Amino acid sequence: MFVICLKLTADRERISGVLEAHKTWLAQGFEDGVFLLAGALDDGPGGLILAAGEDRAALEERLAKDPFVRDGLVAVDITAFTPSQADARLSFLKVAA
């Protein structure tokens, strides 16, 4: 599982020009069953995506197709982790030990 943080590196005007294409790219990630959560950061410009079901190389290839990434509008930080504990509502995310 991966947490992907996208931090804006460009002005909002440039971002708004490709926002709809970014949303379409996100929708494809959900349709493909790779993205579990996505949303804007509350404390600053950027967003966060929770992803699973692909290895890192495939995920990096997918991220390269994001219009924000492709156009150099965000810095990407990918953190891999293995969930071992979860609230019962999210137990499907746990990996058996």
C-alpha atoms as a PDB file:
ATOM      1  CA  MET A   1       0.000   0.000   0.000  1.00  0.00           C
ATOM      2  CA  PHE A   2       1.198   3.508  -0.736  1.00  0.00           C
ATOM      3  CA  VAL A   3       0.527   7.021   0.492  1.00  0.00           C
ATOM      4  CA  ILE A   4       1.196   9.538  -2.263  1.00  0.00           C
ATOM      5  CA  CYS A   5       1.565  13.193  -1.376  1.00  0.00           C
ATOM      6  CA  LEU A   6       1.320  15.747  -4.179  1.00  0.00           C
ATOM      7  CA  LYS A   7       2.620  19.188  -3.168  1.00  0.00           C
ATOM      8  CA  LEU A   8       1.926  22.032  -5.554  1.00  0.00           C
ATOM      9  CA  THR A   9       5.007  23.698  -6.988  1.00  0.00           C
ATOM     10  CA  ALA A  10       3.218  25.996  -9.450  1.00  0.00           C
ATOM     11  CA  ASP A  11       0.791  28.865  -9.126  1.00  0.00           C
ATOM     12  CA  ARG A  12      -2.907  28.054  -8.900  1.00  0.00           C
ATOM     13  CA  GLU A  13      -3.614  29.549 -12.316  1.00  0.00           C
ATOM     14  CA  ARG A  14      -1.465  26.900 -14.008  1.00  0.00           C
ATOM     15  CA  ILE A  15      -3.074  24.214 -11.852  1.00  0.00           C
ATOM     16  CA  SER A  16      -6.595  25.274 -12.788  1.00  0.00           C
ATOM     17  CA  GLY A  17      -5.743  24.802 -16.464  1.00  0.00           C
ATOM     18  CA  VAL A  18      -5.298  21.046 -16.022  1.00  0.00           C
ATOM     19  CA  LEU A  19      -7.554  20.396 -13.015  1.00  0.00           C
ATOM     20  CA  GLU A  20     -10.272  18.636 -15.028  1.00  0.00           C
ATOM     21  CA  ALA A  21      -7.687  16.394 -16.703  1.00  0.00           C
ATOM     22  CA  HIS A  22      -6.265  15.570 -13.247  1.00  0.00           C
ATOM     23  CA  LYS A  23      -9.766  14.669 -12.009  1.00  0.00           C
ATOM     24  CA  THR A  24     -10.239  12.388 -15.022  1.00  0.00           C
ATOM     25  CA  TRP A  25      -6.889  10.739 -14.259  1.00  0.00           C
ATOM     26  CA  LEU A  26      -7.963  10.233 -10.624  1.00  0.00           C
ATOM     27  CA  ALA A  27     -11.283   8.717 -11.724  1.00  0.00           C
ATOM     28  CA  GLN A  28      -9.388   6.198 -13.859  1.00  0.00           C
ATOM     29  CA  GLY A  29      -7.280   5.196 -10.843  1.00  0.00           C
ATOM     30  CA  PHE A  30     -10.451   4.537  -8.852  1.00  0.00           C
ATOM     31  CA  GLU A  31     -12.038   2.659 -11.761  1.00  0.00           C
ATOM     32  CA  ASP A  32      -8.912   0.499 -12.045  1.00  0.00           C
ATOM     33  CA  GLY A  33      -9.207  -0.348  -8.332  1.00  0.00           C
ATOM     34  CA  VAL A  34      -5.830   1.167  -7.473  1.00  0.00           C
ATOM     35  CA  PHE A  35      -6.881   4.342  -5.649  1.00  0.00           C
ATOM     36  CA  LEU A  36      -8.697   3.898  -2.339  1.00  0.00           C
ATOM     37  CA  LEU A  37      -8.852   7.534  -1.149  1.00  0.00           C
ATOM     38  CA  ALA A  38      -7.922  10.904  -2.603  1.00  0.00           C
ATOM     39  CA  GLY A  39      -8.367  14.463  -1.480  1.00  0.00           C
ATOM     40  CA  ALA A  40      -6.942  17.918  -1.013  1.00  0.00           C
ATOM     41  CA  LEU A  41      -4.626  18.696   1.899  1.00  0.00           C
ATOM     42  CA  ASP A  42      -6.262  20.822   4.582  1.00  0.00           C
ATOM     43  CA  ASP A  43      -3.026  22.541   5.627  1.00  0.00           C
ATOM     44  CA  GLY A  44      -1.615  23.583   2.303  1.00  0.00           C
ATOM     45  CA  PRO A  45      -1.736  23.333  -1.455  1.00  0.00           C
ATOM     46  CA  GLY A  46      -1.655  19.775  -2.673  1.00  0.00           C
ATOM     47  CA  GLY A  47      -3.324  16.438  -2.195  1.00  0.00           C
ATOM     48  CA  LEU A  48      -2.998  12.923  -0.887  1.00  0.00           C
ATOM     49  CA  ILE A  49      -3.822   9.569  -2.496  1.00  0.00           C
ATOM     50  CA  LEU A  50      -3.999   6.145  -0.828  1.00  0.00           C
ATOM     51  CA  ALA A  51      -3.221   3.414  -3.346  1.00  0.00           C
ATOM     52  CA  ALA A  52      -2.965  -0.365  -3.341  1.00  0.00           C
ATOM     53  CA  GLY A  53      -2.917  -3.226  -5.802  1.00  0.00           C
ATOM     54  CA  GLU A  54       0.089  -2.194  -7.890  1.00  0.00           C
ATOM     55  CA  ASP A  55       3.794  -2.497  -7.261  1.00  0.00           C
ATOM     56  CA  ARG A  56       5.869   0.661  -6.964  1.00  0.00           C
ATOM     57  CA  ALA A  57       7.087   0.599 -10.566  1.00  0.00           C
ATOM     58  CA  ALA A  58       3.531   0.370 -11.940  1.00  0.00           C
ATOM     59  CA  LEU A  59       2.389   3.098  -9.547  1.00  0.00           C
ATOM     60  CA  GLU A  60       5.229   5.395 -10.624  1.00  0.00           C
ATOM     61  CA  GLU A  61       4.254   4.780 -14.255  1.00  0.00           C
ATOM     62  CA  ARG A  62       0.639   5.647 -13.420  1.00  0.00           C
ATOM     63  CA  LEU A  63       1.702   8.817 -11.560  1.00  0.00           C
ATOM     64  CA  ALA A  64       3.812   9.943 -14.517  1.00  0.00           C
ATOM     65  CA  LYS A  65       0.569  10.145 -16.523  1.00  0.00           C
ATOM     66  CA  ASP A  66      -1.092  12.532 -14.037  1.00  0.00           C
ATOM     67  CA  PRO A  67      -1.334  15.909 -15.799  1.00  0.00           C
ATOM     68  CA  PHE A  68      -0.093  17.628 -12.621  1.00  0.00           C
ATOM     69  CA  VAL A  69       3.025  15.444 -12.601  1.00  0.00           C
ATOM     70  CA  ARG A  70       3.492  15.401 -16.370  1.00  0.00           C
ATOM     71  CA  ASP A  71       3.431  19.216 -16.497  1.00  0.00           C
ATOM     72  CA  GLY A  72       5.758  19.624 -13.478  1.00  0.00           C
ATOM     73  CA  LEU A  73       3.097  21.284 -11.325  1.00  0.00           C
ATOM     74  CA  VAL A  74       3.560  19.068  -8.252  1.00  0.00           C
ATOM     75  CA  ALA A  75       6.331  17.380  -6.312  1.00  0.00           C
ATOM     76  CA  VAL A  76       5.500  13.733  -5.608  1.00  0.00           C
ATOM     77  CA  ASP A  77       6.392  11.827  -2.449  1.00  0.00           C
ATOM     78  CA  ILE A  78       5.540   8.107  -2.345  1.00  0.00           C
ATOM     79  CA  THR A  79       5.624   6.252   0.972  1.00  0.00           C
ATOM     80  CA  ALA A  80       5.074   2.487   1.097  1.00  0.00           C
ATOM     81  CA  PHE A  81       3.614   0.859   4.191  1.00  0.00           C
ATOM     82  CA  THR A  82       2.006  -2.396   5.283  1.00  0.00           C
ATOM     83  CA  PRO A  83      -1.096  -1.880   7.410  1.00  0.00           C
ATOM     84  CA  SER A  84      -1.147  -4.360  10.296  1.00  0.00           C
ATOM     85  CA  GLN A  85      -3.849  -2.738  12.432  1.00  0.00           C
ATOM     86  CA  ALA A  86      -7.072  -1.069  11.386  1.00  0.00           C
ATOM     87  CA  ASP A  87     -10.400   0.057  12.723  1.00  0.00           C
ATOM     88  CA  ALA A  88     -13.020  -2.621  12.016  1.00  0.00           C
ATOM     89  CA  ARG A  89     -14.494  -0.410   9.289  1.00  0.00           C
ATOM     90  CA  LEU A  90     -11.175  -0.610   7.421  1.00  0.00           C
ATOM     91  CA  SER A  91     -10.192  -4.181   8.249  1.00  0.00           C
ATOM     92  CA  PHE A  92     -10.137  -5.102   4.567  1.00  0.00           C
ATOM     93  CA  LEU A  93      -6.945  -3.012   4.283  1.00  0.00           C
ATOM     94  CA  LYS A  94      -4.935  -5.081   6.788  1.00  0.00           C
ATOM     95  CA  VAL A  95      -2.250  -7.437   5.603  1.00  0.00           C
ATOM     96  CA  ALA A  96      -2.112 -10.733   7.482  1.00  0.00           C
ATOM     97  CA  ALA A  97       1.078 -11.222   9.472  1.00  0.00           C
END
